Amino acid sequence: MAPIDHSPGNSATPDPSSSDAAQAGNRRRSRFIAAGAFAAVVAAAAVAVPLTFGAPTPAPQPAASTPAATSTSEAPEIGPAVTYYDQAGPPAGSPLEPVEPLKVNVSKDQVGTSLNKGLTGISLEATDLADPDLADTNPTIVKLLQEIDQPVLRFGGNAVDRRFFWTSTGEAVPSSYKGDRARPVRAVGPDDLARVNRLLVAGDATISLTVDLGHYNPARAADMVKYASQIFGDRLLSITIGNEPNGFVFNDVKSDGYSLEQYVRELKDYANAIYAVAPNVPISGPGAYDQKWWQPFVDADIPQKKILTFHNYPLYSCDGSDPLGSPTMANLMTPLMHDRAADYQQSALKVGQAAGLETWLPETGIAACPGSNETSRTHGSALWTADYALNAAQLGITRIGFHSSLQTCKGGPPMSAICSAGAYPDGNGQMSGRANFFGISMVAELEGGKFLKLEKTGGGLMYSYALQNADGSTTVVLVNQNNPETAAQADVTLNLPGKPLTGTMTQLSGPSYGAEDSTVIDGAKSEPTPLAERPTVPGFQYKSGTQNFKLTAGTVTVLNFTY
């Protein structure tokens, strides 16, 4: 099984963790509680209906007959009986700090961007193509793909230009290729692609590939793309030529130097060779984290240039030289983190949109630093992941890949969204998702739609997004990054663009920012409850454009309203 190599500017692999993952605490599944509709106020006789959170609420009884009332106010309509969502509250005994009430006004006007199915995916090393655990016969990896609905599997990483050898004829790997136990050299051939394709079919996934530019050989790369095009068909979304070529000199891929001009020349050679054997395959690039490399790719005269790709790890300061860029929880859960990521993404979008290209972020994560840090494997990483993906999509990015590994949960790269059980480094192939995986799942399971404009006030460290779905319903996502250990529930006033007949809810939650192996969705370590089966927003007001409810800190909440 191939390892991960996160660092965009350092070829060193993350150090194996020497400590066991924190034991999971007791899981409390969300309890769904039956409740009746609110009673009408008829004439002067007011009928009080208690909304008891955590226990069934009986349906109201008809009011006794009374003389004609003099009031001219109309009684509110009573909706059908529903089952309310029982969200987890703050930890018992928390020194609760009040959160400013949140008010969100959702407009009918669109932002101009969309959230499409397949937005989120998993990025892996190119050498992972050789891993036999990536197969339709492995139910654990199939399940994970299904839980991030129609994902893209992207293969690239630092391995592709160092330790990846494509051969369609069974050649031996050249002796010049060097690896080690954690980062082995791997040969990949057509049979591997066929196995991965069967996995894609089983998991309803697509694929994006990177070819080796570190060992200059356009013909070998074209041969790989020829087979990939034949085997994957429409599931093959793009080919990228080299991974982070801006780092070739720093990572000793090109010890004799490597310039932008040389990259563009080699890019043309590769693109033309690929076009000759697979003329319909889109070319993406440059897959660089240095902004200076984006425009030269856009300007390069190559066939099938369709997608601008860039990489980003917002907490990049592994040595602590930039305190605000260090991978700490204090930095992760701040508005600065949100805004810094958005600024970088907008810079890439400006270049791509000016050239009429899609803009993808195929390799990303919180940090690319070796080893563990305060954010690794934590609930805070799940909260960040959901907001990061949603904000990127609202800005206009259409594909996002969270860089991960097939190595073991214990000892493997701690920032990976997935990992294997068993002994380090390869494990036994029994895959599971970490906290950030569930953040991906919350976004991936959205129906998809067009972003709506909204106004938001209050709420502390909370972010709001709204979507108009194809069936006319409205989805509202509230990412509550307030501290779940100390922050009180926030009072939320949500003004919708219509009067809903139904309002349902699903929620990701966890006990603290730093909690490991404790993030759940609807009380379980699984994907969100299917839309048709979700319970109702607590306190839902039938046919009211204004909804009021409380929201627990440290949650990602998806609300869906039909009209």
Protein backbone atom coordinates (compact mmCIF):
# COMPACT_ATOMS: atom_id res chain seq x y z
CA MET A 1 0.00 0.00 0.00
CA ALA A 2 1.41 3.36 -0.96
CA PRO A 3 2.13 6.12 1.54
CA ILE A 4 1.19 9.73 1.49
CA ASP A 5 3.59 12.62 0.97
CA HIS A 6 1.70 15.73 2.03
CA SER A 7 4.32 18.45 1.90
CA PRO A 8 4.10 20.65 -1.21
CA GLY A 9 7.58 22.04 -0.63
CA ASN A 10 9.23 19.10 1.11
CA SER A 11 9.55 15.55 -0.09
CA ALA A 12 9.79 14.18 3.45
CA THR A 13 7.01 11.83 4.43
CA PRO A 14 5.10 12.47 7.65
CA ASP A 15 6.64 10.76 10.65
CA PRO A 16 4.70 7.78 11.96
CA SER A 17 2.70 8.60 15.04
CA SER A 18 3.93 6.88 18.18
CA SER A 19 0.71 7.19 20.13
CA ASP A 20 -2.56 5.32 19.84
CA ALA A 21 -5.56 7.19 18.57
CA ALA A 22 -7.71 8.49 21.40
CA GLN A 23 -10.38 6.06 22.47
CA ALA A 24 -13.79 6.96 21.21
CA GLY A 25 -16.19 8.13 23.92
CA ASN A 26 -19.66 6.83 24.38
CA ARG A 27 -21.79 7.51 21.35
CA ARG A 28 -25.18 9.02 21.83
CA ARG A 29 -27.36 8.52 18.79
CA SER A 30 -29.76 11.31 18.06
CA ARG A 31 -33.16 10.50 19.41
CA PHE A 32 -36.06 11.29 17.16
CA ILE A 33 -39.06 12.39 19.16
CA ALA A 34 -42.63 12.42 18.04
CA ALA A 35 -44.45 15.69 18.31
CA GLY A 36 -47.80 17.08 17.32
CA ALA A 37 -48.45 20.27 15.42
CA PHE A 38 -49.01 23.52 17.23
CA ALA A 39 -52.62 24.31 18.18
CA ALA A 40 -54.49 27.23 16.71
CA VAL A 41 -55.49 30.22 18.74
CA VAL A 42 -59.24 30.39 18.33
CA ALA A 43 -61.11 33.49 19.44
CA ALA A 44 -60.19 34.48 22.99
CA ALA A 45 -59.38 30.98 24.20
CA ALA A 46 -55.63 30.41 23.89
CA VAL A 47 -54.54 26.79 23.81
CA ALA A 48 -50.95 26.37 25.04
CA VAL A 49 -48.97 23.56 23.40
CA PRO A 50 -45.66 22.77 25.13
CA LEU A 51 -42.70 21.88 22.89
CA THR A 52 -40.86 19.49 25.17
CA PHE A 53 -37.43 18.87 23.66
CA GLY A 54 -36.47 15.26 24.17
CA ALA A 55 -39.96 13.85 24.74
CA PRO A 56 -43.06 13.29 22.62
CA THR A 57 -45.42 16.20 22.27
CA PRO A 58 -49.08 15.21 22.00
CA ALA A 59 -51.25 16.55 19.24
CA PRO A 60 -53.43 19.45 20.41
CA GLN A 61 -57.12 18.89 21.18
CA PRO A 62 -59.82 21.02 19.52
CA ALA A 63 -60.84 24.06 21.52
CA ALA A 64 -64.30 24.12 23.11
CA SER A 65 -67.06 25.90 21.25
CA THR A 66 -67.22 29.60 22.17
CA PRO A 67 -69.34 32.54 21.13
CA ALA A 68 -68.25 34.41 18.03
CA ALA A 69 -65.09 36.36 18.72
CA THR A 70 -64.70 40.01 18.04
CA SER A 71 -61.02 39.61 17.01
CA THR A 72 -60.35 39.79 13.27
CA SER A 73 -56.93 38.02 13.39
CA GLU A 74 -56.65 34.78 11.41
CA ALA A 75 -55.65 31.55 13.12
CA PRO A 76 -52.39 30.03 11.85
CA GLU A 77 -52.68 26.84 9.82
CA ILE A 78 -51.88 23.61 11.55
CA GLY A 79 -49.49 21.33 9.72
CA PRO A 80 -49.36 17.54 9.87
CA ALA A 81 -47.85 15.70 12.81
CA VAL A 82 -44.05 15.48 12.60
CA THR A 83 -41.02 14.02 14.35
CA TYR A 84 -38.55 16.62 15.60
CA TYR A 85 -34.77 16.31 15.44
CA ASP A 86 -33.17 15.98 18.88
CA GLN A 87 -29.80 17.67 18.59
CA ALA A 88 -27.12 17.12 21.21
CA GLY A 89 -26.78 19.94 23.73
CA PRO A 90 -23.61 21.41 25.26
CA PRO A 91 -21.60 19.15 27.59
CA ALA A 92 -23.04 18.88 31.09
CA GLY A 93 -21.61 21.44 33.46
CA SER A 94 -20.08 23.60 30.73
CA PRO A 95 -19.35 27.19 31.73
CA LEU A 96 -21.58 28.39 28.96
CA GLU A 97 -20.68 31.62 27.23
CA PRO A 98 -23.54 33.34 25.43
CA VAL A 99 -23.46 33.53 21.64
CA GLU A 100 -24.94 36.54 19.90
CA PRO A 101 -28.23 35.47 18.26
CA LEU A 102 -27.88 34.57 14.60
CA LYS A 103 -30.16 36.11 12.00
CA VAL A 104 -30.05 34.86 8.41
CA ASN A 105 -32.15 36.38 5.62
CA VAL A 106 -32.14 34.16 2.53
CA SER A 107 -32.85 35.93 -0.74
CA LYS A 108 -34.43 34.59 -3.91
CA ASP A 109 -31.52 36.12 -5.83
CA GLN A 110 -28.72 33.80 -6.91
CA VAL A 111 -25.00 34.29 -6.29
CA GLY A 112 -24.13 32.99 -9.76
CA THR A 113 -22.30 29.83 -8.65
CA SER A 114 -23.47 26.27 -8.08
CA LEU A 115 -22.72 23.31 -5.87
CA ASN A 116 -22.62 20.26 -8.09
CA LYS A 117 -22.53 16.57 -7.30
CA GLY A 118 -18.94 15.39 -7.30
CA LEU A 119 -17.60 18.61 -5.78
CA THR A 120 -15.62 16.83 -3.07
CA GLY A 121 -13.26 13.91 -3.41
CA ILE A 122 -10.15 12.18 -2.13
CA SER A 123 -6.63 12.84 -3.38
CA LEU A 124 -4.12 9.97 -3.19
CA GLU A 125 -0.56 9.27 -4.26
CA ALA A 126 -0.16 7.96 -7.81
CA THR A 127 1.58 4.86 -6.44
CA ASP A 128 -1.70 3.96 -4.68
CA LEU A 129 -3.01 2.85 -8.08
CA ALA A 130 -0.98 -0.32 -7.47
CA ASP A 131 -2.64 -1.06 -4.13
CA PRO A 132 -4.86 -4.17 -4.37
CA ASP A 133 -7.08 -2.80 -1.58
CA LEU A 134 -8.47 -0.28 -4.08
CA ALA A 135 -10.93 -2.81 -5.45
CA ASP A 136 -14.63 -3.43 -5.75
CA THR A 137 -14.08 -6.57 -3.68
CA ASN A 138 -13.15 -4.43 -0.66
CA PRO A 139 -16.52 -3.45 0.88
CA THR A 140 -14.98 -0.91 3.25
CA ILE A 141 -13.54 1.30 0.52
CA VAL A 142 -16.71 0.95 -1.56
CA LYS A 143 -18.76 2.09 1.44
CA LEU A 144 -16.55 5.13 1.99
CA LEU A 145 -16.91 6.20 -1.64
CA GLN A 146 -20.67 5.82 -1.42
CA GLU A 147 -20.75 7.97 1.73
CA ILE A 148 -19.15 10.90 -0.14
CA ASP A 149 -21.66 10.67 -2.98
CA GLN A 150 -20.11 10.57 -6.47
CA PRO A 151 -16.58 11.59 -5.46
CA VAL A 152 -13.52 12.17 -7.61
CA LEU A 153 -10.49 9.99 -6.83
CA ARG A 154 -7.45 12.00 -7.81
CA PHE A 155 -4.07 10.28 -8.11
CA GLY A 156 -0.91 12.39 -8.02
CA GLY A 157 1.02 13.67 -5.01
CA ASN A 158 4.76 13.87 -4.64
CA ALA A 159 5.10 10.17 -5.49
CA VAL A 160 4.16 10.57 -9.15
CA ASP A 161 7.39 12.34 -10.20
CA ARG A 162 9.64 10.27 -7.92
CA ARG A 163 8.48 6.71 -7.27
CA PHE A 164 5.76 5.97 -9.86
CA PHE A 165 6.58 3.90 -12.94
CA TRP A 166 4.01 3.26 -15.66
CA THR A 167 4.49 0.23 -17.90
CA SER A 168 2.03 -1.46 -20.22
CA THR A 169 4.51 -4.21 -21.11
CA GLY A 170 5.68 -5.45 -17.69
CA GLU A 171 9.07 -3.72 -17.72
CA ALA A 172 11.21 -3.79 -14.59
CA VAL A 173 11.38 -0.56 -12.58
CA PRO A 174 14.63 1.29 -13.38
CA SER A 175 17.27 1.10 -10.65
CA SER A 176 17.40 4.89 -10.50
CA TYR A 177 13.97 4.98 -8.82
CA LYS A 178 14.45 5.12 -5.05
CA GLY A 179 11.98 4.51 -2.26
CA ASP A 180 11.77 3.13 1.26
CA ARG A 181 9.39 1.14 3.46
CA ALA A 182 7.04 4.06 4.02
CA ARG A 183 7.38 5.39 0.47
CA PRO A 184 7.96 2.46 -1.86
CA VAL A 185 8.49 2.60 -5.59
CA ARG A 186 5.53 1.12 -7.44
CA ALA A 187 4.99 -0.01 -11.01
CA VAL A 188 1.48 0.45 -12.39
CA GLY A 189 -0.01 -1.13 -15.50
CA PRO A 190 -3.29 -1.63 -17.36
CA ASP A 191 -4.48 -4.35 -14.99
CA ASP A 192 -4.25 -1.91 -12.10
CA LEU A 193 -6.34 0.64 -13.98
CA ALA A 194 -8.95 -2.01 -14.75
CA ARG A 195 -9.17 -2.95 -11.06
CA VAL A 196 -9.56 0.70 -10.05
CA ASN A 197 -12.25 1.16 -12.70
CA ARG A 198 -14.29 -1.66 -11.18
CA LEU A 199 -14.02 0.17 -7.86
CA LEU A 200 -15.20 3.42 -9.47
CA VAL A 201 -18.25 1.65 -10.85
CA ALA A 202 -19.08 0.07 -7.49
CA GLY A 203 -18.61 3.35 -5.62
CA ASP A 204 -20.14 5.59 -8.33
CA ALA A 205 -16.95 7.63 -8.52
CA THR A 206 -14.85 9.36 -11.17
CA ILE A 207 -11.09 9.72 -11.55
CA SER A 208 -8.40 12.31 -12.33
CA LEU A 209 -4.84 11.18 -13.06
CA THR A 210 -1.40 12.76 -12.96
CA VAL A 211 1.43 11.57 -15.22
CA ASP A 212 5.12 11.55 -14.36
CA LEU A 213 6.92 14.71 -15.46
CA GLY A 214 9.90 14.21 -13.13
CA HIS A 215 11.32 11.54 -15.44
CA TYR A 216 10.81 13.27 -18.78
CA ASN A 217 9.12 10.79 -21.12
CA PRO A 218 6.11 12.09 -23.12
CA ALA A 219 5.67 8.78 -24.94
CA ARG A 220 5.36 6.79 -21.72
CA ALA A 221 2.87 9.29 -20.32
CA ALA A 222 0.83 9.17 -23.53
CA ASP A 223 0.78 5.38 -23.35
CA MET A 224 -0.67 5.58 -19.85
CA VAL A 225 -3.34 8.05 -20.93
CA LYS A 226 -4.23 5.88 -23.94
CA TYR A 227 -4.99 2.94 -21.65
CA ALA A 228 -6.68 5.15 -19.08
CA SER A 229 -9.00 6.63 -21.69
CA GLN A 230 -9.95 3.19 -22.97
CA ILE A 231 -10.49 1.70 -19.50
CA PHE A 232 -12.16 4.57 -17.63
CA GLY A 233 -14.10 6.16 -20.49
CA ASP A 234 -16.22 9.07 -19.32
CA ARG A 235 -15.16 8.49 -15.71
CA LEU A 236 -11.74 9.95 -16.58
CA LEU A 237 -12.18 13.67 -15.93
CA SER A 238 -8.69 15.01 -16.59
CA ILE A 239 -4.97 14.43 -16.90
CA THR A 240 -2.43 16.63 -15.12
CA ILE A 241 1.19 16.69 -16.30
CA GLY A 242 3.40 16.55 -13.22
CA ASN A 243 2.63 17.36 -9.59
CA GLU A 244 3.67 20.75 -8.22
CA PRO A 245 6.41 21.38 -10.81
CA ASN A 246 7.18 24.65 -9.03
CA GLY A 247 8.69 22.50 -6.25
CA PHE A 248 10.87 20.27 -8.44
CA VAL A 249 14.09 22.08 -7.51
CA PHE A 250 13.31 22.25 -3.79
CA ASN A 251 12.39 18.56 -3.68
CA ASP A 252 15.38 17.36 -5.73
CA VAL A 253 13.23 16.11 -8.57
CA LYS A 254 15.32 18.28 -10.85
CA SER A 255 18.65 18.74 -9.09
CA ASP A 256 20.12 20.67 -12.01
CA GLY A 257 17.41 23.35 -11.90
CA TYR A 258 13.97 23.75 -13.40
CA SER A 259 12.45 26.93 -14.78
CA LEU A 260 9.00 28.02 -15.81
CA GLU A 261 10.19 28.14 -19.40
CA GLN A 262 11.37 24.53 -19.25
CA TYR A 263 8.06 23.49 -17.71
CA VAL A 264 6.07 25.11 -20.52
CA ARG A 265 8.23 23.42 -23.18
CA GLU A 266 7.80 20.01 -21.57
CA LEU A 267 4.10 20.64 -20.96
CA LYS A 268 3.65 21.17 -24.71
CA ASP A 269 5.56 17.98 -25.53
CA TYR A 270 3.42 15.92 -23.16
CA ALA A 271 0.11 17.51 -24.17
CA ASN A 272 0.76 16.95 -27.87
CA ALA A 273 1.79 13.34 -27.30
CA ILE A 274 -1.34 12.71 -25.22
CA TYR A 275 -3.58 14.39 -27.77
CA ALA A 276 -2.24 12.11 -30.50
CA VAL A 277 -3.55 8.99 -28.71
CA ALA A 278 -6.41 10.33 -26.57
CA PRO A 279 -7.71 13.52 -28.22
CA ASN A 280 -10.82 13.82 -26.04
CA VAL A 281 -9.15 13.77 -22.63
CA PRO A 282 -9.08 17.19 -20.90
CA ILE A 283 -5.73 18.53 -19.72
CA SER A 284 -5.58 20.23 -16.31
CA GLY A 285 -2.71 22.05 -14.66
CA PRO A 286 -0.34 23.23 -13.49
CA GLY A 287 -1.17 21.67 -10.11
CA ALA A 288 1.11 24.20 -8.44
CA TYR A 289 0.98 26.04 -5.12
CA ASP A 290 3.00 29.01 -6.43
CA GLN A 291 0.78 31.61 -8.11
CA LYS A 292 3.51 32.54 -10.60
CA TRP A 293 2.99 29.20 -12.36
CA TRP A 294 -0.73 29.60 -12.99
CA GLN A 295 -0.70 32.17 -15.81
CA PRO A 296 2.04 30.45 -17.88
CA PHE A 297 -0.08 27.30 -17.94
CA VAL A 298 -3.09 29.33 -19.05
CA ASP A 299 -1.03 30.97 -21.79
CA ALA A 300 0.55 27.74 -23.04
CA ASP A 301 -0.50 26.70 -26.55
CA ILE A 302 -1.61 23.13 -25.86
CA PRO A 303 -4.61 21.07 -27.02
CA GLN A 304 -7.48 20.18 -24.69
CA LYS A 305 -6.50 22.74 -22.03
CA LYS A 306 -9.68 22.82 -19.97
CA ILE A 307 -8.96 23.21 -16.25
CA LEU A 308 -6.75 25.39 -14.07
CA THR A 309 -5.62 23.45 -11.00
CA PHE A 310 -3.85 24.72 -7.88
CA HIS A 311 -2.94 23.28 -4.48
CA ASN A 312 -3.38 24.89 -1.09
CA TYR A 313 -2.65 24.02 2.55
CA PRO A 314 -3.69 27.15 4.47
CA LEU A 315 -1.70 26.40 7.64
CA TYR A 316 1.64 26.14 5.89
CA SER A 317 4.13 27.32 8.54
CA CYS A 318 5.49 23.99 9.77
CA ASP A 319 8.47 25.58 11.53
CA GLY A 320 6.36 28.23 13.29
CA SER A 321 8.06 31.13 11.53
CA ASP A 322 4.62 32.57 10.80
CA PRO A 323 2.62 32.21 14.04
CA LEU A 324 -0.67 32.83 12.23
CA GLY A 325 0.16 30.13 9.67
CA SER A 326 1.12 27.42 12.14
CA PRO A 327 -1.10 24.31 12.38
CA THR A 328 -2.72 25.04 15.74
CA MET A 329 -6.33 24.74 16.81
CA ALA A 330 -6.33 28.42 17.73
CA ASN A 331 -5.48 29.26 14.11
CA LEU A 332 -7.84 26.70 12.61
CA MET A 333 -10.95 27.99 14.38
CA THR A 334 -10.65 31.68 13.46
CA PRO A 335 -12.17 33.98 10.85
CA LEU A 336 -8.63 34.59 9.56
CA MET A 337 -8.36 30.96 8.46
CA HIS A 338 -11.64 31.22 6.57
CA ASP A 339 -10.72 34.53 4.95
CA ARG A 340 -7.13 33.59 4.07
CA ALA A 341 -8.29 30.46 2.24
CA ALA A 342 -10.96 32.43 0.39
CA ASP A 343 -8.45 35.08 -0.73
CA TYR A 344 -6.12 32.45 -2.18
CA GLN A 345 -8.95 30.66 -3.95
CA GLN A 346 -10.20 33.92 -5.45
CA SER A 347 -6.73 34.59 -6.84
CA ALA A 348 -6.82 31.28 -8.69
CA LEU A 349 -10.40 31.79 -9.84
CA LYS A 350 -9.52 35.17 -11.30
CA VAL A 351 -6.87 33.57 -13.51
CA GLY A 352 -9.02 30.63 -14.53
CA GLN A 353 -12.19 32.57 -15.22
CA ALA A 354 -10.36 35.14 -17.33
CA ALA A 355 -9.20 32.29 -19.56
CA GLY A 356 -12.58 30.55 -19.64
CA LEU A 357 -11.26 27.56 -17.68
CA GLU A 358 -12.82 25.62 -14.84
CA THR A 359 -10.88 26.00 -11.61
CA TRP A 360 -10.16 22.97 -9.46
CA LEU A 361 -8.44 22.52 -6.10
CA PRO A 362 -7.47 18.84 -6.49
CA GLU A 363 -5.04 18.65 -3.56
CA THR A 364 -5.68 20.38 -0.27
CA GLY A 365 -5.87 19.96 3.48
CA ILE A 366 -5.35 21.92 6.66
CA ALA A 367 -1.56 21.61 6.64
CA ALA A 368 1.16 19.76 4.77
CA CYS A 369 3.47 19.47 7.78
CA PRO A 370 5.01 16.07 8.60
CA GLY A 371 3.65 14.24 11.63
CA SER A 372 0.82 15.14 13.96
CA ASN A 373 -0.25 18.56 15.12
CA GLU A 374 -3.05 20.03 17.22
CA THR A 375 -5.56 19.77 14.37
CA SER A 376 -4.86 16.16 13.34
CA ARG A 377 -7.76 13.70 13.53
CA THR A 378 -9.89 16.22 15.46
CA HIS A 379 -13.49 17.34 15.41
CA GLY A 380 -12.18 20.81 14.62
CA SER A 381 -10.86 19.44 11.32
CA ALA A 382 -14.38 18.25 10.43
CA LEU A 383 -15.85 21.70 11.06
CA TRP A 384 -13.11 23.33 8.99
CA THR A 385 -13.46 20.84 6.12
CA ALA A 386 -17.19 21.43 5.67
CA ASP A 387 -16.86 25.21 5.68
CA TYR A 388 -13.78 25.17 3.45
CA ALA A 389 -15.53 23.10 0.78
CA LEU A 390 -18.76 25.09 0.88
CA ASN A 391 -17.04 28.45 0.69
CA ALA A 392 -14.82 27.27 -2.19
CA ALA A 393 -17.87 26.08 -4.11
CA GLN A 394 -19.74 29.32 -3.49
CA LEU A 395 -16.75 31.25 -4.86
CA GLY A 396 -16.79 29.12 -8.03
CA ILE A 397 -14.39 26.19 -7.55
CA THR A 398 -15.93 23.05 -9.04
CA ARG A 399 -13.74 20.19 -7.73
CA ILE A 400 -11.89 19.76 -4.42
CA GLY A 401 -9.67 16.84 -3.40
CA PHE A 402 -8.64 16.34 0.22
CA HIS A 403 -5.21 14.72 0.23
CA SER A 404 -5.21 11.38 1.99
CA SER A 405 -3.50 8.03 2.35
CA LEU A 406 -4.30 4.32 2.35
CA GLN A 407 -1.83 3.74 5.19
CA THR A 408 -2.77 2.77 8.72
CA CYS A 409 -4.78 4.81 11.19
CA LYS A 410 -2.02 4.23 13.73
CA GLY A 411 1.28 5.45 12.34
CA GLY A 412 0.03 6.67 8.97
CA PRO A 413 -0.38 10.31 7.97
CA PRO A 414 -2.64 11.89 10.63
CA MET A 415 -4.24 14.47 8.33
CA SER A 416 -5.61 11.77 5.98
CA ALA A 417 -9.40 11.65 5.75
CA ILE A 418 -9.30 7.84 5.47
CA CYS A 419 -7.03 5.16 6.89
CA SER A 420 -6.60 1.41 7.21
CA ALA A 421 -6.75 -0.88 10.22
CA GLY A 422 -3.84 -3.24 10.84
CA ALA A 423 -0.09 -2.96 11.21
CA TYR A 424 1.88 0.03 9.90
CA PRO A 425 2.46 0.96 7.17
CA ASP A 426 0.21 -0.98 4.81
CA GLY A 427 -2.49 -2.25 7.15
CA ASN A 428 -5.09 -4.83 6.24
CA GLY A 429 -7.22 -2.79 3.84
CA GLN A 430 -10.14 -2.38 6.23
CA MET A 431 -10.74 1.31 5.61
CA SER A 432 -12.54 3.84 7.78
CA GLY A 433 -13.10 7.59 7.81
CA ARG A 434 -11.64 10.08 10.24
CA ALA A 435 -13.31 13.24 11.54
CA ASN A 436 -12.54 15.28 8.43
CA PHE A 437 -14.06 12.54 6.28
CA PHE A 438 -17.43 13.21 7.93
CA GLY A 439 -17.04 16.91 7.16
CA ILE A 440 -16.60 15.92 3.51
CA SER A 441 -19.65 13.67 3.70
CA MET A 442 -21.90 16.46 4.99
CA VAL A 443 -21.11 18.53 1.89
CA ALA A 444 -21.07 15.62 -0.55
CA GLU A 445 -24.56 14.51 0.44
CA LEU A 446 -26.14 17.88 -0.40
CA GLU A 447 -28.59 17.68 -3.28
CA GLY A 448 -26.70 20.22 -5.31
CA GLY A 449 -28.12 23.52 -6.47
CA LYS A 450 -27.51 27.18 -7.07
CA PHE A 451 -26.13 29.35 -4.27
CA LEU A 452 -28.50 32.03 -3.03
CA LYS A 453 -27.55 35.42 -1.69
CA LEU A 454 -28.12 35.92 2.01
CA GLU A 455 -27.57 38.42 4.79
CA LYS A 456 -26.16 37.20 8.10
CA THR A 457 -25.73 39.00 11.41
CA GLY A 458 -24.54 37.69 14.75
CA GLY A 459 -23.83 34.05 15.51
CA GLY A 460 -20.22 34.44 16.58
CA LEU A 461 -17.96 32.05 14.65
CA MET A 462 -20.68 30.75 12.37
CA TYR A 463 -20.94 30.59 8.57
CA SER A 464 -24.13 30.37 6.52
CA TYR A 465 -24.85 29.08 3.01
CA ALA A 466 -28.09 28.68 1.07
CA LEU A 467 -28.95 26.74 -2.08
CA GLN A 468 -31.90 26.69 -4.43
CA ASN A 469 -32.39 23.08 -5.49
CA ALA A 470 -33.71 21.83 -8.81
CA ASP A 471 -37.04 20.79 -7.24
CA GLY A 472 -37.64 24.30 -5.87
CA SER A 473 -36.68 23.48 -2.29
CA THR A 474 -34.19 25.52 -0.27
CA THR A 475 -31.21 24.10 1.57
CA VAL A 476 -29.56 26.13 4.33
CA VAL A 477 -26.23 25.02 5.82
CA LEU A 478 -25.06 26.50 9.12
CA VAL A 479 -21.45 25.75 10.10
CA ASN A 480 -21.24 26.58 13.81
CA GLN A 481 -17.55 26.77 14.70
CA ASN A 482 -18.19 28.22 18.16
CA ASN A 483 -16.47 26.19 20.88
CA PRO A 484 -18.69 23.20 21.74
CA GLU A 485 -17.16 22.96 25.23
CA THR A 486 -17.93 26.50 26.30
CA ALA A 487 -20.43 28.17 23.97
CA ALA A 488 -24.15 28.19 24.71
CA GLN A 489 -26.66 27.24 22.06
CA ALA A 490 -27.30 30.11 19.66
CA ASP A 491 -30.78 31.45 19.03
CA VAL A 492 -31.35 31.39 15.27
CA THR A 493 -33.86 33.41 13.27
CA LEU A 494 -34.04 32.20 9.68
CA ASN A 495 -36.04 34.15 7.11
CA LEU A 496 -36.73 32.05 4.03
CA PRO A 497 -37.70 33.05 0.46
CA GLY A 498 -41.04 31.25 0.82
CA LYS A 499 -43.47 29.67 3.25
CA PRO A 500 -42.35 26.08 3.82
CA LEU A 501 -44.59 23.06 4.14
CA THR A 502 -41.75 20.95 5.54
CA GLY A 503 -38.39 21.63 7.14
CA THR A 504 -35.96 18.79 7.85
CA MET A 505 -32.59 18.57 9.54
CA THR A 506 -29.36 16.54 9.66
CA GLN A 507 -26.37 17.45 11.80
CA LEU A 508 -22.68 16.70 12.34
CA SER A 509 -21.59 17.10 15.95
CA GLY A 510 -18.75 16.44 18.39
CA PRO A 511 -17.92 17.14 22.05
CA SER A 512 -14.91 19.46 21.60
CA TYR A 513 -12.57 20.97 19.03
CA GLY A 514 -9.80 18.56 19.99
CA ALA A 515 -11.89 15.40 20.35
CA GLU A 516 -10.51 12.53 18.26
CA ASP A 517 -12.62 9.70 16.88
CA SER A 518 -15.74 11.36 18.26
CA THR A 519 -17.31 13.16 15.30
CA VAL A 520 -20.71 11.77 14.33
CA ILE A 521 -23.52 12.55 11.90
CA ASP A 522 -27.02 12.13 13.32
CA GLY A 523 -25.43 10.31 16.25
CA ALA A 524 -23.59 7.69 14.17
CA LYS A 525 -20.31 7.33 12.29
CA SER A 526 -21.99 7.29 8.95
CA GLU A 527 -23.27 9.51 6.17
CA PRO A 528 -26.26 11.82 6.80
CA THR A 529 -29.72 10.29 7.12
CA PRO A 530 -31.37 10.11 3.66
CA LEU A 531 -33.28 13.30 2.88
CA ALA A 532 -36.71 11.63 2.79
CA GLU A 533 -36.17 10.14 6.25
CA ARG A 534 -34.87 13.19 8.10
CA PRO A 535 -36.77 14.51 11.10
CA THR A 536 -38.16 18.03 11.36
CA VAL A 537 -36.36 21.15 12.55
CA PRO A 538 -37.23 21.70 16.23
CA GLY A 539 -39.98 24.28 16.55
CA PHE A 540 -40.78 24.22 12.82
CA GLN A 541 -43.54 26.70 11.95
CA TYR A 542 -45.79 25.37 9.20
CA LYS A 543 -46.13 27.80 6.27
CA SER A 544 -44.13 30.49 8.05
CA GLY A 545 -41.36 32.31 6.23
CA THR A 546 -39.63 32.87 9.56
CA GLN A 547 -38.23 29.92 11.49
CA ASN A 548 -36.79 30.12 15.01
CA PHE A 549 -34.69 27.45 16.70
CA LYS A 550 -31.56 26.90 18.77
CA LEU A 551 -28.28 25.57 17.43
CA THR A 552 -25.59 23.74 19.39
CA ALA A 553 -21.97 24.89 19.04
CA GLY A 554 -19.46 22.74 17.16
CA THR A 555 -21.97 21.51 14.58
CA VAL A 556 -22.63 21.47 10.86
CA THR A 557 -26.39 21.60 10.29
CA VAL A 558 -28.16 21.04 6.98
CA LEU A 559 -31.76 22.23 6.77
CA ASN A 560 -34.02 21.51 3.81
CA PHE A 561 -37.32 23.33 3.24
CA THR A 562 -40.00 22.48 0.69
CA TYR A 563 -42.81 24.84 -0.32
